[in-house]
C-alpha atoms as a PDB file:
ATOM      1  CA  MET A   1      22.440   2.868  18.943  1.00  0.00           C
ATOM      2  CA  SER A   2      20.855   6.197  17.880  1.00  0.00           C
ATOM      3  CA  ASP A   3      21.841   9.086  18.726  1.00  0.00           C
ATOM      4  CA  PHE A   4      23.874  10.637  21.090  1.00  0.00           C
ATOM      5  CA  SER A   5      25.767  13.343  22.793  1.00  0.00           C
ATOM      6  CA  LEU A   6      28.869  14.850  23.879  1.00  0.00           C
ATOM      7  CA  HIS A   7      30.873  17.731  24.246  1.00  0.00           C
ATOM      8  CA  LEU A   8      33.520  18.943  22.606  1.00  0.00           C
ATOM      9  CA  ASP A   9      36.423  21.424  24.758  1.00  0.00           C
ATOM     10  CA  ASP A  10      38.241  23.473  22.305  1.00  0.00           C
ATOM     11  CA  GLU A  11      39.034  22.903  18.533  1.00  0.00           C
ATOM     12  CA  ALA A  12      41.488  19.781  19.158  1.00  0.00           C
ATOM     13  CA  ALA A  13      38.469  18.065  20.621  1.00  0.00           C
ATOM     14  CA  THR A  14      36.721  19.029  17.519  1.00  0.00           C
ATOM     15  CA  LEU A  15      39.213  18.213  15.058  1.00  0.00           C
ATOM     16  CA  ALA A  16      40.023  14.312  17.507  1.00  0.00           C
ATOM     17  CA  PHE A  17      36.524  13.395  17.150  1.00  0.00           C
ATOM     18  CA  GLY A  18      36.224  14.222  13.364  1.00  0.00           C
ATOM     19  CA  ARG A  19      39.489  12.194  13.306  1.00  0.00           C
ATOM     20  CA  LEU A  20      37.905   8.969  15.583  1.00  0.00           C
ATOM     21  CA  LEU A  21      34.543   9.571  13.156  1.00  0.00           C
ATOM     22  CA  ALA A  22      36.519   9.700  10.002  1.00  0.00           C
ATOM     23  CA  GLY A  23      37.453   5.528  11.236  1.00  0.00           C
ATOM     24  CA  ALA A  24      34.236   4.705  11.133  1.00  0.00           C
ATOM     25  CA  LEU A  25      33.075   5.571   8.176  1.00  0.00           C
ATOM     26  CA  SER A  26      31.690   4.528   4.441  1.00  0.00           C
ATOM     27  CA  PRO A  27      31.582   5.095   0.611  1.00  0.00           C
ATOM     28  CA  GLY A  28      28.485   6.076   0.384  1.00  0.00           C
ATOM     29  CA  MET A  29      27.331   7.782   3.535  1.00  0.00           C
ATOM     30  CA  TYR A  30      25.633  11.574   2.875  1.00  0.00           C
ATOM     31  CA  ILE A  31      26.009  13.282   6.012  1.00  0.00           C
ATOM     32  CA  ALA A  32      24.263  16.237   6.664  1.00  0.00           C
ATOM     33  CA  LEU A  33      26.083  19.174   9.254  1.00  0.00           C
ATOM     34  CA  SER A  34      24.566  21.937  10.705  1.00  0.00           C
ATOM     35  CA  GLY A  35      24.832  24.668  13.491  1.00  0.00           C
ATOM     36  CA  PRO A  36      25.161  28.144  13.642  1.00  0.00           C
ATOM     37  CA  LEU A  37      28.039  30.156  12.075  1.00  0.00           C
ATOM     38  CA  GLY A  38      31.904  29.663  13.847  1.00  0.00           C
ATOM     39  CA  ALA A  39      30.496  26.291  15.681  1.00  0.00           C
ATOM     40  CA  GLY A  40      33.246  24.349  13.847  1.00  0.00           C
ATOM     41  CA  LYS A  41      31.726  22.954  10.931  1.00  0.00           C
ATOM     42  CA  THR A  42      34.455  22.789   8.920  1.00  0.00           C
ATOM     43  CA  THR A  43      36.534  22.336  11.851  1.00  0.00           C
ATOM     44  CA  LEU A  44      35.222  18.924  12.301  1.00  0.00           C
ATOM     45  CA  VAL A  45      35.162  18.026   8.676  1.00  0.00           C
ATOM     46  CA  ARG A  46      38.654  18.915   8.887  1.00  0.00           C
ATOM     47  CA  GLY A  47      39.279  15.800  11.291  1.00  0.00           C
ATOM     48  CA  MET A  48      37.757  13.827   9.542  1.00  0.00           C
ATOM     49  CA  LEU A  49      39.479  14.455   7.000  1.00  0.00           C
ATOM     50  CA  ALA A  50      42.646  13.841   8.665  1.00  0.00           C
ATOM     51  CA  GLY A  51      41.253  10.601   9.702  1.00  0.00           C
ATOM     52  CA  LEU A  52      41.566   9.274   6.070  1.00  0.00           C
ATOM     53  CA  GLY A  53      45.127  10.620   6.063  1.00  0.00           C
ATOM     54  CA  HIS A  54      44.562  13.526   3.901  1.00  0.00           C
ATOM     55  CA  GLN A  55      47.556  16.232   5.502  1.00  0.00           C
ATOM     56  CA  GLY A  56      47.066  19.351   2.922  1.00  0.00           C
ATOM     57  CA  SER A  57      45.138  22.603   3.969  1.00  0.00           C
ATOM     58  CA  VAL A  58      41.299  22.032   3.716  1.00  0.00           C
ATOM     59  CA  ARG A  59      39.488  25.396   2.506  1.00  0.00           C
ATOM     60  CA  SER A  60      35.659  25.624   3.266  1.00  0.00           C
ATOM     61  CA  PRO A  61      34.162  25.135   0.544  1.00  0.00           C
ATOM     62  CA  THR A  62      31.633  28.836   0.846  1.00  0.00           C
ATOM     63  CA  TYR A  63      32.240  30.741  -2.406  1.00  0.00           C
ATOM     64  CA  THR A  64      33.092  27.356  -4.181  1.00  0.00           C
ATOM     65  CA  LEU A  65      29.411  25.039  -2.880  1.00  0.00           C
ATOM     66  CA  LEU A  66      32.143  21.917  -3.611  1.00  0.00           C
ATOM     67  CA  GLU A  67      35.607  20.865  -2.700  1.00  0.00           C
ATOM     68  CA  PRO A  68      36.430  17.709  -3.782  1.00  0.00           C
ATOM     69  CA  TYR A  69      39.219  15.084  -1.842  1.00  0.00           C
ATOM     70  CA  THR A  70      39.790  11.617  -3.180  1.00  0.00           C
ATOM     71  CA  PHE A  71      41.098   8.711  -0.875  1.00  0.00           C
ATOM     72  CA  SER A  72      41.801   5.462  -2.376  1.00  0.00           C
ATOM     73  CA  LYS A  73      38.393   3.614  -0.171  1.00  0.00           C
ATOM     74  CA  LEU A  74      36.794   7.283  -1.644  1.00  0.00           C
ATOM     75  CA  ASP A  75      35.745  10.357  -2.639  1.00  0.00           C
ATOM     76  CA  PHE A  76      34.599  12.584  -0.682  1.00  0.00           C
ATOM     77  CA  TYR A  77      32.871  15.180  -1.124  1.00  0.00           C
ATOM     78  CA  HIS A  78      32.141  18.536   1.458  1.00  0.00           C
ATOM     79  CA  PHE A  79      29.650  20.803   0.077  1.00  0.00           C
ATOM     80  CA  ASP A  80      29.322  24.640   2.158  1.00  0.00           C
ATOM     81  CA  LEU A  81      25.430  25.826   0.976  1.00  0.00           C
ATOM     82  CA  PHE A  82      25.553  29.103   3.212  1.00  0.00           C
ATOM     83  CA  ARG A  83      25.650  30.696   0.197  1.00  0.00           C
ATOM     84  CA  PHE A  84      23.767  28.836  -2.011  1.00  0.00           C
ATOM     85  CA  ARG A  85      20.536  29.800  -3.447  1.00  0.00           C
ATOM     86  CA  ASP A  86      18.269  28.702  -6.506  1.00  0.00           C
ATOM     87  CA  GLU A  87      17.342  24.549  -6.946  1.00  0.00           C
ATOM     88  CA  LEU A  88      17.636  25.151 -10.397  1.00  0.00           C
ATOM     89  CA  GLU A  89      22.036  26.448  -9.522  1.00  0.00           C
ATOM     90  CA  TRP A  90      21.494  22.038  -7.413  1.00  0.00           C
ATOM     91  CA  HIS A  91      20.584  21.222 -11.242  1.00  0.00           C
ATOM     92  CA  ASP A  92      22.813  22.785 -13.113  1.00  0.00           C
ATOM     93  CA  SER A  93      25.769  22.194 -11.316  1.00  0.00           C
ATOM     94  CA  GLY A  94      25.189  18.448 -11.135  1.00  0.00           C
ATOM     95  CA  PHE A  95      25.812  17.950  -7.582  1.00  0.00           C
ATOM     96  CA  SER A  96      22.905  15.025  -7.343  1.00  0.00           C
ATOM     97  CA  ASP A  97      25.340  13.195  -8.966  1.00  0.00           C
ATOM     98  CA  TYR A  98      28.447  13.319  -6.439  1.00  0.00           C
ATOM     99  CA  PHE A  99      25.588  11.464  -4.011  1.00  0.00           C
ATOM    100  CA  SER A 100      27.034   7.372  -4.985  1.00  0.00           C
ATOM    101  CA  PRO A 101      27.780   4.598  -3.961  1.00  0.00           C
ATOM    102  CA  ALA A 102      30.972   5.085  -3.873  1.00  0.00           C
ATOM    103  CA  ALA A 103      31.516   8.403  -2.785  1.00  0.00           C
ATOM    104  CA  LEU A 104      31.332  10.189   1.118  1.00  0.00           C
ATOM    105  CA  CYS A 105      29.208  13.897   0.681  1.00  0.00           C
ATOM    106  CA  VAL A 106      28.983  16.045   4.001  1.00  0.00           C
ATOM    107  CA  VAL A 107      26.645  19.205   2.948  1.00  0.00           C
ATOM    108  CA  GLU A 108      26.910  21.901   6.253  1.00  0.00           C
ATOM    109  CA  TRP A 109      23.923  23.971   6.477  1.00  0.00           C
ATOM    110  CA  PRO A 110      21.783  20.392   4.079  1.00  0.00           C
ATOM    111  CA  GLU A 111      18.996  22.518   5.346  1.00  0.00           C
ATOM    112  CA  LYS A 112      19.375  25.539   2.235  1.00  0.00           C
ATOM    113  CA  ALA A 113      18.939  22.598   0.075  1.00  0.00           C
ATOM    114  CA  SER A 114      16.228  19.993   2.335  1.00  0.00           C
ATOM    115  CA  GLN A 115      14.449  18.849  -0.695  1.00  0.00           C
ATOM    116  CA  LEU A 116      17.303  18.663  -2.993  1.00  0.00           C
ATOM    117  CA  LEU A 117      18.996  15.525  -0.392  1.00  0.00           C
ATOM    118  CA  PRO A 118      19.159  12.461   0.179  1.00  0.00           C
ATOM    119  CA  PRO A 119      18.357  11.130   3.687  1.00  0.00           C
ATOM    120  CA  ALA A 120      20.791  11.756   5.602  1.00  0.00           C
ATOM    121  CA  ASP A 121      23.110   8.619   7.689  1.00  0.00           C
ATOM    122  CA  LEU A 122      23.941  11.117  10.068  1.00  0.00           C
ATOM    123  CA  ASN A 123      22.400  14.187  11.367  1.00  0.00           C
ATOM    124  CA  LEU A 124      25.361  15.713  13.017  1.00  0.00           C
ATOM    125  CA  ARG A 125      24.500  19.940  14.604  1.00  0.00           C
ATOM    126  CA  LEU A 126      27.157  21.120  15.900  1.00  0.00           C
ATOM    127  CA  ALA A 127      25.956  24.628  18.710  1.00  0.00           C
ATOM    128  CA  MET A 128      27.910  27.046  21.426  1.00  0.00           C
ATOM    129  CA  ALA A 129      27.649  25.718  24.420  1.00  0.00           C
ATOM    130  CA  GLU A 130      27.706  27.758  26.814  1.00  0.00           C
ATOM    131  CA  HIS A 131      30.770  27.744  29.248  1.00  0.00           C
ATOM    132  CA  GLY A 132      32.779  27.219  26.282  1.00  0.00           C
ATOM    133  CA  GLY A 133      33.103  24.584  23.952  1.00  0.00           C
ATOM    134  CA  ARG A 134      30.574  23.373  21.586  1.00  0.00           C
ATOM    135  CA  ASP A 135      27.756  19.709  22.633  1.00  0.00           C
ATOM    136  CA  LEU A 136      27.347  17.790  19.602  1.00  0.00           C
ATOM    137  CA  LEU A 137      24.039  15.910  18.489  1.00  0.00           C
ATOM    138  CA  ILE A 138      24.304  12.792  16.590  1.00  0.00           C
ATOM    139  CA  ASP A 139      20.593  11.510  14.933  1.00  0.00           C
ATOM    140  CA  ALA A 140      21.497   8.381  13.052  1.00  0.00           C
ATOM    141  CA  PRO A 141      18.439   7.467  11.343  1.00  0.00           C
ATOM    142  CA  THR A 142      19.292   4.485   9.017  1.00  0.00           C
ATOM    143  CA  GLU A 143      20.698   1.789   9.862  1.00  0.00           C
ATOM    144  CA  THR A 144      24.042   2.653   8.080  1.00  0.00           C
ATOM    145  CA  GLY A 145      23.856   5.830   9.909  1.00  0.00           C
ATOM    146  CA  ARG A 146      23.486   3.815  13.388  1.00  0.00           C
ATOM    147  CA  GLN A 147      26.183   0.953  12.498  1.00  0.00           C
ATOM    148  CA  CYS A 148      28.613   3.856  11.746  1.00  0.00           C
ATOM    149  CA  LEU A 149      27.460   5.237  15.334  1.00  0.00           C
ATOM    150  CA  GLU A 150      28.294   2.004  16.773  1.00  0.00           C
ATOM    151  CA  ARG A 151      31.954   1.601  15.073  1.00  0.00           C
ATOM    152  CA  VAL A 152      32.275   5.155  16.790  1.00  0.00           C
ATOM    153  CA  HIS A 153      30.429   4.440  20.047  1.00  0.00           C
ATOM    154  CA  ASN A 154      32.995   1.339  20.037  1.00  0.00           C
ATOM    155  CA  GLU A 155      36.235   3.625  19.459  1.00  0.00           C
ATOM    156  CA  ALA A 156      35.939   5.633  22.077  1.00  0.00           C
ATOM    157  CA  ALA A 157      34.704   3.828  25.121  1.00  0.00           C
ATOM    158  CA  PRO A 158      37.677   2.662  27.032  1.00  0.00           C
ATOM    159  CA  PRO A 159      39.543  -0.390  27.021  1.00  0.00           C
ATOM    160  CA  PRO A 160      37.128  -1.863  30.992  1.00  0.00           C
ATOM    161  CA  ALA A 161      39.079  -1.879  33.963  1.00  0.00           C
ATOM    162  CA  PRO A 162      40.484  -5.402  35.794  1.00  0.00           C
ATOM    163  CA  GLY A 163      37.112  -6.358  37.388  1.00  0.00           C
ATOM    164  CA  GLY A 164      34.694  -3.758  36.321  1.00  0.00           C
ATOM    165  CA  PRO A 165      32.959  -2.562  33.172  1.00  0.00           C
ATOM    166  CA  ALA A 166      33.622  -0.003  30.588  1.00  0.00           C
ATOM    167  CA  ALA A 167      32.827   3.625  31.284  1.00  0.00           C
ATOM    168  CA  SER A 168      32.167   6.101  28.347  1.00  0.00           C
ATOM    169  CA  PRO A 169      32.739   9.029  27.536  1.00  0.00           C
ATOM    170  CA  VAL A 170      29.396   9.320  25.674  1.00  0.00           C
ATOM    171  CA  ASP A 171      26.172  10.054  26.849  1.00  0.00           C
ATOM    172  CA  ASN A 172      24.094   7.638  25.157  1.00  0.00           C
ATOM    173  CA  PRO A 173      20.100   8.645  26.175  1.00  0.00           C
ATOM    174  CA  ASP A 174      18.941   5.603  24.107  1.00  0.00           C
ATOM    175  CA  SER A 175      21.105   3.766  26.882  1.00  0.00           C
END
């Protein structure tokens, strides 16, 4: 499985998917999170952090560019590059050092620094849906990303009905 898409009806569904995704994440991953203003990027990150056990508030790092969170199994770095303007800012801040095997980095607005970022394990693209809610497209260009998506898909699939095939809430174009 390399990609899939799904519809998220509302903020609660976005948070729930973030919690589901959190269970499939592993240290060393980089997630690129794209979409227009108001599409739910930070809401999805809030869900991921809740799924990892964070119980405090989650601020958007729009002005600080980075909000760090520490968990027992990994360091979680939430970047928001909406206001990012200068390549020197990236180098002077040492942001590239955060992308390590012990860290999980989630970057909102990765296109603002695409030449500076490593290849993403997951590309998540949120868009406002025409009839409400959000549409989420996930692409997994690396083996690590594909394994993560497989874990998400396995967690999202309901158990098979007695005597019947398993149904999936995920629209998987690779199937």
